[in-house]
Structure formats: structure tokens, C-alpha cells
Amino acid sequence: SYFCRKADFVFNFAGINRPKETSEFMTGNYMFPCHLLQELEKWNNK
């Protein structure tokens, strides 16, 4: 949250490509970016 408030540029390399369960693809590759964007919006960081 602090990083999202202070960042001037975000590079999102985080992701899942070899999960134990197929459902983890959406968790790592969709849900995390969703949370990341929510944090940026919370701080009005564009």
C-alpha cells in the first residue's frame, strides 16, 4: 500500500505460470493486478 502511494512508475512482473492448481492462474495473474490497481486508486495515484 505504501509503495502504491509513493510510486511514480509501476512495473508488474509478478505472475504465476507453473501452479499446482489451474485456479492459481487467475489468482496470481488476474487477482493480484486487480488488488494492485485498487491500491493505486485508493491513493489517487495515476
ModelCIF file with pLDDT and N, C-alpha, C, O atoms, coordinates in Angstrom:
data_MODEL
#
_entry.id   MODEL 
#
_entity.id                         1 
_entity.type                       polymer 
_entity.pdbx_number_of_molecules   1 
#
_entity_poly.entity_id                      1 
_entity_poly.type                           'polypeptide(L)' 
_entity_poly.nstd_linkage                   no 
_entity_poly.nstd_monomer                   no 
_entity_poly.pdbx_seq_one_letter_code       SYFCRKADFVFNFAGINRPKETSEFMTGNYMFPCHLLQELEKWNNK 
_entity_poly.pdbx_seq_one_letter_code_can   SYFCRKADFVFNFAGINRPKETSEFMTGNYMFPCHLLQELEKWNNK 
_entity_poly.pdbx_strand_id                 A 
#
loop_
_entity_poly_seq.entity_id 
_entity_poly_seq.num 
_entity_poly_seq.mon_id 
_entity_poly_seq.hetero 
1 1  SER n 
1 2  TYR n 
1 3  PHE n 
1 4  CYS n 
1 5  ARG n 
1 6  LYS n 
1 7  ALA n 
1 8  ASP n 
1 9  PHE n 
1 10 VAL n 
1 11 PHE n 
1 12 ASN n 
1 13 PHE n 
1 14 ALA n 
1 15 GLY n 
1 16 ILE n 
1 17 ASN n 
1 18 ARG n 
1 19 PRO n 
1 20 LYS n 
1 21 GLU n 
1 22 THR n 
1 23 SER n 
1 24 GLU n 
1 25 PHE n 
1 26 MET n 
1 27 THR n 
1 28 GLY n 
1 29 ASN n 
1 30 TYR n 
1 31 MET n 
1 32 PHE n 
1 33 PRO n 
1 34 CYS n 
1 35 HIS n 
1 36 LEU n 
1 37 LEU n 
1 38 GLN n 
1 39 GLU n 
1 40 LEU n 
1 41 GLU n 
1 42 LYS n 
1 43 TRP n 
1 44 ASN n 
1 45 ASN n 
1 46 LYS n 
#
_struct_asym.id          A 
_struct_asym.entity_id   1 
#
loop_
_ma_qa_metric.id 
_ma_qa_metric.mode 
_ma_qa_metric.name 
_ma_qa_metric.software_group_id 
_ma_qa_metric.type 
1 global pLDDT . pLDDT 
2 local  pLDDT . pLDDT 
#
_ma_qa_metric_global.metric_id      1 
_ma_qa_metric_global.metric_value   92.17 
_ma_qa_metric_global.model_id       1 
_ma_qa_metric_global.ordinal_id     1 
#
loop_
_ma_qa_metric_local.label_asym_id 
_ma_qa_metric_local.label_comp_id 
_ma_qa_metric_local.label_seq_id 
_ma_qa_metric_local.metric_id 
_ma_qa_metric_local.metric_value 
_ma_qa_metric_local.model_id 
_ma_qa_metric_local.ordinal_id 
A SER 1  2 97.00 1 1  
A TYR 2  2 98.00 1 2  
A PHE 3  2 98.00 1 3  
A CYS 4  2 98.00 1 4  
A ARG 5  2 98.00 1 5  
A LYS 6  2 98.00 1 6  
A ALA 7  2 98.00 1 7  
A ASP 8  2 98.00 1 8  
A PHE 9  2 98.00 1 9  
A VAL 10 2 98.00 1 10 
A PHE 11 2 98.00 1 11 
A ASN 12 2 97.00 1 12 
A PHE 13 2 97.00 1 13 
A ALA 14 2 92.00 1 14 
A GLY 15 2 87.00 1 15 
A ILE 16 2 82.00 1 16 
A ASN 17 2 80.00 1 17 
A ARG 18 2 78.00 1 18 
A PRO 19 2 76.00 1 19 
A LYS 20 2 79.00 1 20 
A GLU 21 2 83.00 1 21 
A THR 22 2 83.00 1 22 
A SER 23 2 81.00 1 23 
A GLU 24 2 84.00 1 24 
A PHE 25 2 89.00 1 25 
A MET 26 2 87.00 1 26 
A THR 27 2 86.00 1 27 
A GLY 28 2 83.00 1 28 
A ASN 29 2 89.00 1 29 
A TYR 30 2 91.00 1 30 
A MET 31 2 92.00 1 31 
A PHE 32 2 93.00 1 32 
A PRO 33 2 95.00 1 33 
A CYS 34 2 95.00 1 34 
A HIS 35 2 95.00 1 35 
A LEU 36 2 97.00 1 36 
A LEU 37 2 97.00 1 37 
A GLN 38 2 97.00 1 38 
A GLU 39 2 97.00 1 39 
A LEU 40 2 98.00 1 40 
A GLU 41 2 97.00 1 41 
A LYS 42 2 97.00 1 42 
A TRP 43 2 97.00 1 43 
A ASN 44 2 97.00 1 44 
A ASN 45 2 98.00 1 45 
A LYS 46 2 97.00 1 46 
#
loop_
_atom_site.group_PDB 
_atom_site.id 
_atom_site.type_symbol 
_atom_site.label_atom_id 
_atom_site.label_alt_id 
_atom_site.label_comp_id 
_atom_site.label_asym_id 
_atom_site.label_entity_id 
_atom_site.label_seq_id 
_atom_site.pdbx_PDB_ins_code 
_atom_site.Cartn_x 
_atom_site.Cartn_y 
_atom_site.Cartn_z 
_atom_site.occupancy 
_atom_site.B_iso_or_equiv 
_atom_site.pdbx_formal_charge 
_atom_site.auth_seq_id 
_atom_site.auth_comp_id 
_atom_site.auth_asym_id 
_atom_site.auth_atom_id 
_atom_site.pdbx_PDB_model_num 
ATOM 1   N N  . SER A 1 1  ? 0.834  -1.202  0.000   1.00 97.00 ? 1  SER A N  1 
ATOM 2   C CA . SER A 1 1  ? 0.000  0.000   0.000   1.00 97.00 ? 1  SER A CA 1 
ATOM 3   C C  . SER A 1 1  ? 0.871  1.255   0.000   1.00 97.00 ? 1  SER A C  1 
ATOM 4   O O  . SER A 1 1  ? 0.599  2.214   -0.722  1.00 97.00 ? 1  SER A O  1 
ATOM 5   N N  . TYR A 1 2  ? 1.914  1.233   0.817   1.00 98.00 ? 2  TYR A N  1 
ATOM 6   C CA . TYR A 1 2  ? 2.832  2.379   0.873   1.00 98.00 ? 2  TYR A CA 1 
ATOM 7   C C  . TYR A 1 2  ? 3.523  2.569   -0.474  1.00 98.00 ? 2  TYR A C  1 
ATOM 8   O O  . TYR A 1 2  ? 3.651  3.692   -0.963  1.00 98.00 ? 2  TYR A O  1 
ATOM 9   N N  . PHE A 1 3  ? 3.968  1.464   -1.066  1.00 98.00 ? 3  PHE A N  1 
ATOM 10  C CA . PHE A 1 3  ? 4.636  1.538   -2.369  1.00 98.00 ? 3  PHE A CA 1 
ATOM 11  C C  . PHE A 1 3  ? 3.697  2.151   -3.415  1.00 98.00 ? 3  PHE A C  1 
ATOM 12  O O  . PHE A 1 3  ? 4.117  2.980   -4.222  1.00 98.00 ? 3  PHE A O  1 
ATOM 13  N N  . CYS A 1 4  ? 2.434  1.741   -3.394  1.00 98.00 ? 4  CYS A N  1 
ATOM 14  C CA . CYS A 1 4  ? 1.470  2.246   -4.368  1.00 98.00 ? 4  CYS A CA 1 
ATOM 15  C C  . CYS A 1 4  ? 1.189  3.737   -4.166  1.00 98.00 ? 4  CYS A C  1 
ATOM 16  O O  . CYS A 1 4  ? 0.866  4.447   -5.118  1.00 98.00 ? 4  CYS A O  1 
ATOM 17  N N  . ARG A 1 5  ? 1.309  4.191   -2.957  1.00 98.00 ? 5  ARG A N  1 
ATOM 18  C CA . ARG A 1 5  ? 1.113  5.622   -2.682  1.00 98.00 ? 5  ARG A CA 1 
ATOM 19  C C  . ARG A 1 5  ? 2.280  6.454   -3.207  1.00 98.00 ? 5  ARG A C  1 
ATOM 20  O O  . ARG A 1 5  ? 2.083  7.563   -3.702  1.00 98.00 ? 5  ARG A O  1 
ATOM 21  N N  . LYS A 1 6  ? 3.497  5.916   -3.099  1.00 98.00 ? 6  LYS A N  1 
ATOM 22  C CA . LYS A 1 6  ? 4.702  6.693   -3.408  1.00 98.00 ? 6  LYS A CA 1 
ATOM 23  C C  . LYS A 1 6  ? 5.227  6.500   -4.829  1.00 98.00 ? 6  LYS A C  1 
ATOM 24  O O  . LYS A 1 6  ? 6.039  7.299   -5.295  1.00 98.00 ? 6  LYS A O  1 
ATOM 25  N N  . ALA A 1 7  ? 4.779  5.451   -5.528  1.00 98.00 ? 7  ALA A N  1 
ATOM 26  C CA . ALA A 1 7  ? 5.379  5.099   -6.817  1.00 98.00 ? 7  ALA A CA 1 
ATOM 27  C C  . ALA A 1 7  ? 5.077  6.135   -7.898  1.00 98.00 ? 7  ALA A C  1 
ATOM 28  O O  . ALA A 1 7  ? 3.986  6.702   -7.961  1.00 98.00 ? 7  ALA A O  1 
ATOM 29  N N  . ASP A 1 8  ? 6.083  6.361   -8.747  1.00 98.00 ? 8  ASP A N  1 
ATOM 30  C CA . ASP A 1 8  ? 5.917  7.198   -9.934  1.00 98.00 ? 8  ASP A CA 1 
ATOM 31  C C  . ASP A 1 8  ? 5.795  6.357   -11.201 1.00 98.00 ? 8  ASP A C  1 
ATOM 32  O O  . ASP A 1 8  ? 5.409  6.865   -12.254 1.00 98.00 ? 8  ASP A O  1 
ATOM 33  N N  . PHE A 1 9  ? 6.123  5.085   -11.099 1.00 98.00 ? 9  PHE A N  1 
ATOM 34  C CA . PHE A 1 9  ? 6.008  4.160   -12.226 1.00 98.00 ? 9  PHE A CA 1 
ATOM 35  C C  . PHE A 1 9  ? 5.941  2.755   -11.634 1.00 98.00 ? 9  PHE A C  1 
ATOM 36  O O  . PHE A 1 9  ? 6.724  2.408   -10.750 1.00 98.00 ? 9  PHE A O  1 
ATOM 37  N N  . VAL A 1 10 ? 4.994  1.945   -12.132 1.00 98.00 ? 10 VAL A N  1 
ATOM 38  C CA . VAL A 1 10 ? 4.830  0.577   -11.644 1.00 98.00 ? 10 VAL A CA 1 
ATOM 39  C C  . VAL A 1 10 ? 5.178  -0.404  -12.763 1.00 98.00 ? 10 VAL A C  1 
ATOM 40  O O  . VAL A 1 10 ? 4.688  -0.287  -13.886 1.00 98.00 ? 10 VAL A O  1 
ATOM 41  N N  . PHE A 1 11 ? 6.028  -1.366  -12.435 1.00 98.00 ? 11 PHE A N  1 
ATOM 42  C CA . PHE A 1 11 ? 6.356  -2.442  -13.361 1.00 98.00 ? 11 PHE A CA 1 
ATOM 43  C C  . PHE A 1 11 ? 5.871  -3.752  -12.735 1.00 98.00 ? 11 PHE A C  1 
ATOM 44  O O  . PHE A 1 11 ? 6.423  -4.225  -11.742 1.00 98.00 ? 11 PHE A O  1 
ATOM 45  N N  . ASN A 1 12 ? 4.835  -4.323  -13.334 1.00 97.00 ? 12 ASN A N  1 
ATOM 46  C CA . ASN A 1 12 ? 4.232  -5.527  -12.773 1.00 97.00 ? 12 ASN A CA 1 
ATOM 47  C C  . ASN A 1 12 ? 4.739  -6.773  -13.506 1.00 97.00 ? 12 ASN A C  1 
ATOM 48  O O  . ASN A 1 12 ? 4.212  -7.169  -14.545 1.00 97.00 ? 12 ASN A O  1 
ATOM 49  N N  . PHE A 1 13 ? 5.782  -7.371  -12.926 1.00 97.00 ? 13 PHE A N  1 
ATOM 50  C CA . PHE A 1 13 ? 6.302  -8.633  -13.447 1.00 97.00 ? 13 PHE A CA 1 
ATOM 51  C C  . PHE A 1 13 ? 5.748  -9.836  -12.679 1.00 97.00 ? 13 PHE A C  1 
ATOM 52  O O  . PHE A 1 13 ? 5.986  -10.980 -13.067 1.00 97.00 ? 13 PHE A O  1 
ATOM 53  N N  . ALA A 1 14 ? 5.017  -9.588  -11.603 1.00 92.00 ? 14 ALA A N  1 
ATOM 54  C CA . ALA A 1 14 ? 4.510  -10.683 -10.772 1.00 92.00 ? 14 ALA A CA 1 
ATOM 55  C C  . ALA A 1 14 ? 3.526  -11.528 -11.563 1.00 92.00 ? 14 ALA A C  1 
ATOM 56  O O  . ALA A 1 14 ? 2.759  -11.011 -12.376 1.00 92.00 ? 14 ALA A O  1 
ATOM 57  N N  . GLY A 1 15 ? 3.553  -12.824 -11.320 1.00 87.00 ? 15 GLY A N  1 
ATOM 58  C CA . GLY A 1 15 ? 2.621  -13.712 -12.006 1.00 87.00 ? 15 GLY A CA 1 
ATOM 59  C C  . GLY A 1 15 ? 2.869  -15.166 -11.655 1.00 87.00 ? 15 GLY A C  1 
ATOM 60  O O  . GLY A 1 15 ? 3.874  -15.511 -11.035 1.00 87.00 ? 15 GLY A O  1 
ATOM 61  N N  . ILE A 1 16 ? 1.942  -16.003 -12.059 1.00 82.00 ? 16 ILE A N  1 
ATOM 62  C CA . ILE A 1 16 ? 2.016  -17.444 -11.833 1.00 82.00 ? 16 ILE A CA 1 
ATOM 63  C C  . ILE A 1 16 ? 2.019  -18.138 -13.191 1.00 82.00 ? 16 ILE A C  1 
ATOM 64  O O  . ILE A 1 16 ? 1.146  -17.884 -14.021 1.00 82.00 ? 16 ILE A O  1 
ATOM 65  N N  . ASN A 1 17 ? 2.989  -19.006 -13.416 1.00 80.00 ? 17 ASN A N  1 
ATOM 66  C CA . ASN A 1 17 ? 2.978  -19.753 -14.683 1.00 80.00 ? 17 ASN A CA 1 
ATOM 67  C C  . ASN A 1 17 ? 3.129  -21.260 -14.530 1.00 80.00 ? 17 ASN A C  1 
ATOM 68  O O  . ASN A 1 17 ? 2.936  -21.999 -15.495 1.00 80.00 ? 17 ASN A O  1 
ATOM 69  N N  . ARG A 1 18 ? 3.472  -21.725 -13.334 1.00 78.00 ? 18 ARG A N  1 
ATOM 70  C CA . ARG A 1 18 ? 3.567  -23.170 -13.101 1.00 78.00 ? 18 ARG A CA 1 
ATOM 71  C C  . ARG A 1 18 ? 2.895  -23.520 -11.772 1.00 78.00 ? 18 ARG A C  1 
ATOM 72  O O  . ARG A 1 18 ? 3.568  -23.931 -10.826 1.00 78.00 ? 18 ARG A O  1 
ATOM 73  N N  . PRO A 1 19 ? 1.554  -23.355 -11.696 1.00 76.00 ? 19 PRO A N  1 
ATOM 74  C CA . PRO A 1 19 ? 0.869  -23.581 -10.420 1.00 76.00 ? 19 PRO A CA 1 
ATOM 75  C C  . PRO A 1 19 ? 0.600  -25.063 -10.164 1.00 76.00 ? 19 PRO A C  1 
ATOM 76  O O  . PRO A 1 19 ? 0.666  -25.892 -11.071 1.00 76.00 ? 19 PRO A O  1 
ATOM 77  N N  . LYS A 1 20 ? 0.300  -25.366 -8.923  1.00 79.00 ? 20 LYS A N  1 
ATOM 78  C CA . LYS A 1 20 ? -0.119 -26.723 -8.577  1.00 79.00 ? 20 LYS A CA 1 
ATOM 79  C C  . LYS A 1 20 ? -1.559 -26.953 -9.026  1.00 79.00 ? 20 LYS A C  1 
ATOM 80  O O  . LYS A 1 20 ? -1.917 -28.049 -9.457  1.00 79.00 ? 20 LYS A O  1 
ATOM 81  N N  . GLU A 1 21 ? -2.384 -25.902 -8.921  1.00 83.00 ? 21 GLU A N  1 
ATOM 82  C CA . GLU A 1 21 ? -3.781 -25.971 -9.324  1.00 83.00 ? 21 GLU A CA 1 
ATOM 83  C C  . GLU A 1 21 ? -4.053 -24.926 -10.409 1.00 83.00 ? 21 GLU A C  1 
ATOM 84  O O  . GLU A 1 21 ? -3.536 -23.811 -10.350 1.00 83.00 ? 21 GLU A O  1 
ATOM 85  N N  . THR A 1 22 ? -4.869 -25.300 -11.401 1.00 83.00 ? 22 THR A N  1 
ATOM 86  C CA . THR A 1 22 ? -5.165 -24.392 -12.504 1.00 83.00 ? 22 THR A CA 1 
ATOM 87  C C  . THR A 1 22 ? -5.776 -23.075 -12.017 1.00 83.00 ? 22 THR A C  1 
ATOM 88  O O  . THR A 1 22 ? -5.554 -22.022 -12.615 1.00 83.00 ? 22 THR A O  1 
ATOM 89  N N  . SER A 1 23 ? -6.545 -23.145 -10.928 1.00 81.00 ? 23 SER A N  1 
ATOM 90  C CA . SER A 1 23 ? -7.201 -21.948 -10.402 1.00 81.00 ? 23 SER A CA 1 
ATOM 91  C C  . SER A 1 23 ? -6.205 -20.872 -9.977  1.00 81.00 ? 23 SER A C  1 
ATOM 92  O O  . SER A 1 23 ? -6.553 -19.693 -9.907  1.00 81.00 ? 23 SER A O  1 
ATOM 93  N N  . GLU A 1 24 ? -4.972 -21.277 -9.696  1.00 84.00 ? 24 GLU A N  1 
ATOM 94  C CA . GLU A 1 24 ? -3.952 -20.324 -9.259  1.00 84.00 ? 24 GLU A CA 1 
ATOM 95  C C  . GLU A 1 24 ? -3.554 -19.353 -10.366 1.00 84.00 ? 24 GLU A C  1 
ATOM 96  O O  . GLU A 1 24 ? -3.026 -18.277 -10.086 1.00 84.00 ? 24 GLU A O  1 
ATOM 97  N N  . PHE A 1 25 ? -3.806 -19.728 -11.628 1.00 89.00 ? 25 PHE A N  1 
ATOM 98  C CA . PHE A 1 25 ? -3.518 -18.808 -12.721 1.00 89.00 ? 25 PHE A CA 1 
ATOM 99  C C  . PHE A 1 25 ? -4.272 -17.503 -12.527 1.00 89.00 ? 25 PHE A C  1 
ATOM 100 O O  . PHE A 1 25 ? -3.681 -16.426 -12.607 1.00 89.00 ? 25 PHE A O  1 
ATOM 101 N N  . MET A 1 26 ? -5.575 -17.590 -12.270 1.00 87.00 ? 26 MET A N  1 
ATOM 102 C CA . MET A 1 26 ? -6.383 -16.386 -12.093 1.00 87.00 ? 26 MET A CA 1 
ATOM 103 C C  . MET A 1 26 ? -6.006 -15.646 -10.818 1.00 87.00 ? 26 MET A C  1 
ATOM 104 O O  . MET A 1 26 ? -6.037 -14.417 -10.776 1.00 87.00 ? 26 MET A O  1 
ATOM 105 N N  . THR A 1 27 ? -5.652 -16.393 -9.785  1.00 86.00 ? 27 THR A N  1 
ATOM 106 C CA . THR A 1 27 ? -5.263 -15.747 -8.526  1.00 86.00 ? 27 THR A CA 1 
ATOM 107 C C  . THR A 1 27 ? -4.027 -14.887 -8.711  1.00 86.00 ? 27 THR A C  1 
ATOM 108 O O  . THR A 1 27 ? -3.995 -13.734 -8.282  1.00 86.00 ? 27 THR A O  1 
ATOM 109 N N  . GLY A 1 28 ? -3.010 -15.450 -9.350  1.00 83.00 ? 28 GLY A N  1 
ATOM 110 C CA . GLY A 1 28 ? -1.756 -14.729 -9.484  1.00 83.00 ? 28 GLY A CA 1 
ATOM 111 C C  . GLY A 1 28 ? -1.723 -13.737 -10.624 1.00 83.00 ? 28 GLY A C  1 
ATOM 112 O O  . GLY A 1 28 ? -1.102 -12.680 -10.512 1.00 83.00 ? 28 GLY A O  1 
ATOM 113 N N  . ASN A 1 29 ? -2.392 -14.069 -11.730 1.00 89.00 ? 29 ASN A N  1 
ATOM 114 C CA . ASN A 1 29 ? -2.275 -13.250 -12.935 1.00 89.00 ? 29 ASN A CA 1 
ATOM 115 C C  . ASN A 1 29 ? -3.412 -12.261 -13.138 1.00 89.00 ? 29 ASN A C  1 
ATOM 116 O O  . ASN A 1 29 ? -3.293 -11.333 -13.938 1.00 89.00 ? 29 ASN A O  1 
ATOM 117 N N  . TYR A 1 30 ? -4.520 -12.455 -12.414 1.00 91.00 ? 30 TYR A N  1 
ATOM 118 C CA . TYR A 1 30 ? -5.637 -11.512 -12.514 1.00 91.00 ? 30 TYR A CA 1 
ATOM 119 C C  . TYR A 1 30 ? -5.946 -10.838 -11.187 1.00 91.00 ? 30 TYR A C  1 
ATOM 120 O O  . TYR A 1 30 ? -6.055 -9.614  -11.119 1.00 91.00 ? 30 TYR A O  1 
ATOM 121 N N  . MET A 1 31 ? -6.087 -11.632 -10.135 1.00 92.00 ? 31 MET A N  1 
ATOM 122 C CA . MET A 1 31 ? -6.494 -11.061 -8.853  1.00 92.00 ? 31 MET A CA 1 
ATOM 123 C C  . MET A 1 31 ? -5.425 -10.132 -8.283  1.00 92.00 ? 31 MET A C  1 
ATOM 124 O O  . MET A 1 31 ? -5.752 -9.103  -7.691  1.00 92.00 ? 31 MET A O  1 
ATOM 125 N N  . PHE A 1 32 ? -4.141 -10.488 -8.456  1.00 93.00 ? 32 PHE A N  1 
ATOM 126 C CA . PHE A 1 32 ? -3.115 -9.574  -7.923  1.00 93.00 ? 32 PHE A CA 1 
ATOM 127 C C  . PHE A 1 32 ? -3.117 -8.238  -8.660  1.00 93.00 ? 32 PHE A C  1 
ATOM 128 O O  . PHE A 1 32 ? -3.113 -7.201  -7.998  1.00 93.00 ? 32 PHE A O  1 
ATOM 129 N N  . PRO A 1 33 ? -3.123 -8.203  -10.007 1.00 95.00 ? 33 PRO A N  1 
ATOM 130 C CA . PRO A 1 33 ? -3.227 -6.893  -10.668 1.00 95.00 ? 33 PRO A CA 1 
ATOM 131 C C  . PRO A 1 33 ? -4.473 -6.118  -10.241 1.00 95.00 ? 33 PRO A C  1 
ATOM 132 O O  . PRO A 1 33 ? -4.451 -4.892  -10.129 1.00 95.00 ? 33 PRO A O  1 
ATOM 133 N N  . CYS A 1 34 ? -5.558 -6.856  -10.007 1.00 95.00 ? 34 CYS A N  1 
ATOM 134 C CA . CYS A 1 34 ? -6.787 -6.194  -9.540  1.00 95.00 ? 34 CYS A CA 1 
ATOM 135 C C  . CYS A 1 34 ? -6.547 -5.486  -8.202  1.00 95.00 ? 34 CYS A C  1 
ATOM 136 O O  . CYS A 1 34 ? -6.951 -4.339  -8.014  1.00 95.00 ? 34 CYS A O  1 
ATOM 137 N N  . HIS A 1 35 ? -5.887 -6.184  -7.285  1.00 95.00 ? 35 HIS A N  1 
ATOM 138 C CA . HIS A 1 35 ? -5.572 -5.605  -5.981  1.00 95.00 ? 35 HIS A CA 1 
ATOM 139 C C  . HIS A 1 35 ? -4.592 -4.436  -6.130  1.00 95.00 ? 35 HIS A C  1 
ATOM 140 O O  . HIS A 1 35 ? -4.722 -3.420  -5.449  1.00 95.00 ? 35 HIS A O  1 
ATOM 141 N N  . LEU A 1 36 ? -3.628 -4.587  -7.012  1.00 97.00 ? 36 LEU A N  1 
ATOM 142 C CA . LEU A 1 36 ? -2.633 -3.534  -7.249  1.00 97.00 ? 36 LEU A CA 1 
ATOM 143 C C  . LEU A 1 36 ? -3.312 -2.262  -7.732  1.00 97.00 ? 36 LEU A C  1 
ATOM 144 O O  . LEU A 1 36 ? -3.011 -1.173  -7.244  1.00 97.00 ? 36 LEU A O  1 
ATOM 145 N N  . LEU A 1 37 ? -4.221 -2.394  -8.680  1.00 97.00 ? 37 LEU A N  1 
ATOM 146 C CA . LEU A 1 37 ? -4.925 -1.223  -9.206  1.00 97.00 ? 37 LEU A CA 1 
ATOM 147 C C  . LEU A 1 37 ? -5.820 -0.583  -8.150  1.00 97.00 ? 37 LEU A C  1 
ATOM 148 O O  . LEU A 1 37 ? -5.956 0.639   -8.104  1.00 97.00 ? 37 LEU A O  1 
ATOM 149 N N  . GLN A 1 38 ? -6.424 -1.406  -7.307  1.00 97.00 ? 38 GLN A N  1 
ATOM 150 C CA . GLN A 1 38 ? -7.246 -0.870  -6.226  1.00 97.00 ? 38 GLN A CA 1 
ATOM 151 C C  . GLN A 1 38 ? -6.425 -0.025  -5.266  1.00 97.00 ? 38 GLN A C  1 
ATOM 152 O O  . GLN A 1 38 ? -6.880 1.021   -4.804  1.00 97.00 ? 38 GLN A O  1 
ATOM 153 N N  . GLU A 1 39 ? -5.220 -0.478  -4.970  1.00 97.00 ? 39 GLU A N  1 
ATOM 154 C CA . GLU A 1 39 ? -4.337 0.282   -4.082  1.00 97.00 ? 39 GLU A CA 1 
ATOM 155 C C  . GLU A 1 39 ? -3.929 1.603   -4.722  1.00 97.00 ? 39 GLU A C  1 
ATOM 156 O O  . GLU A 1 39 ? -3.883 2.631   -4.047  1.00 97.00 ? 39 GLU A O  1 
ATOM 157 N N  . LEU A 1 40 ? -3.634 1.582   -6.014  1.00 98.00 ? 40 LEU A N  1 
ATOM 158 C CA . LEU A 1 40 ? -3.278 2.818   -6.704  1.00 98.00 ? 40 LEU A CA 1 
ATOM 159 C C  . LEU A 1 40 ? -4.457 3.798   -6.702  1.00 98.00 ? 40 LEU A C  1 
ATOM 160 O O  . LEU A 1 40 ? -4.280 4.993   -6.470  1.00 98.00 ? 40 LEU A O  1 
ATOM 161 N N  . GLU A 1 41 ? -5.653 3.280   -6.963  1.00 97.00 ? 41 GLU A N  1 
ATOM 162 C CA . GLU A 1 41 ? -6.847 4.127   -6.954  1.00 97.00 ? 41 GLU A CA 1 
ATOM 163 C C  . GLU A 1 41 ? -7.107 4.706   -5.572  1.00 97.00 ? 41 GLU A C  1 
ATOM 164 O O  . GLU A 1 41 ? -7.516 5.859   -5.435  1.00 97.00 ? 41 GLU A O  1 
ATOM 165 N N  . LYS A 1 42 ? -6.864 3.891   -4.550  1.00 97.00 ? 42 LYS A N  1 
ATOM 166 C CA . LYS A 1 42 ? -7.084 4.362   -3.184  1.00 97.00 ? 42 LYS A CA 1 
ATOM 167 C C  . LYS A 1 42 ? -6.276 5.615   -2.901  1.00 97.00 ? 42 LYS A C  1 
ATOM 168 O O  . LYS A 1 42 ? -6.744 6.516   -2.204  1.00 97.00 ? 42 LYS A O  1 
ATOM 169 N N  . TRP A 1 43 ? -5.085 5.675   -3.430  1.00 97.00 ? 43 TRP A N  1 
ATOM 170 C CA . TRP A 1 43 ? -4.208 6.833   -3.209  1.00 97.00 ? 43 TRP A CA 1 
ATOM 171 C C  . TRP A 1 43 ? -4.289 7.852   -4.354  1.00 97.00 ? 43 TRP A C  1 
ATOM 172 O O  . TRP A 1 43 ? -3.512 8.805   -4.411  1.00 97.00 ? 43 TRP A O  1 
ATOM 173 N N  . ASN A 1 44 ? -5.240 7.630   -5.257  1.00 97.00 ? 44 ASN A N  1 
ATOM 174 C CA . ASN A 1 44 ? -5.406 8.517   -6.412  1.00 97.00 ? 44 ASN A CA 1 
ATOM 175 C C  . ASN A 1 44 ? -4.085 8.671   -7.177  1.00 97.00 ? 44 ASN A C  1 
ATOM 176 O O  . ASN A 1 44 ? -3.750 9.753   -7.659  1.00 97.00 ? 44 ASN A O  1 
ATOM 177 N N  . ASN A 1 45 ? -3.359 7.580   -7.273  1.00 98.00 ? 45 ASN A N  1 
ATOM 178 C CA . ASN A 1 45 ? -2.068 7.581   -7.951  1.00 98.00 ? 45 ASN A CA 1 
ATOM 179 C C  . ASN A 1 45 ? -2.267 7.101   -9.386  1.00 98.00 ? 45 ASN A C  1 
ATOM 180 O O  . ASN A 1 45 ? -2.530 5.921   -9.621  1.00 98.00 ? 45 ASN A O  1 
ATOM 181 N N  . LYS A 1 46 ? -2.141 8.008   -10.333 1.00 97.00 ? 46 LYS A N  1 
ATOM 182 C CA . LYS A 1 46 ? -2.369 7.696   -11.740 1.00 97.00 ? 46 LYS A CA 1 
ATOM 183 C C  . LYS A 1 46 ? -1.052 7.524   -12.506 1.00 97.00 ? 46 LYS A C  1 
ATOM 184 O O  . LYS A 1 46 ? -1.067 7.257   -13.708 1.00 97.00 ? 46 LYS A O  1 
#
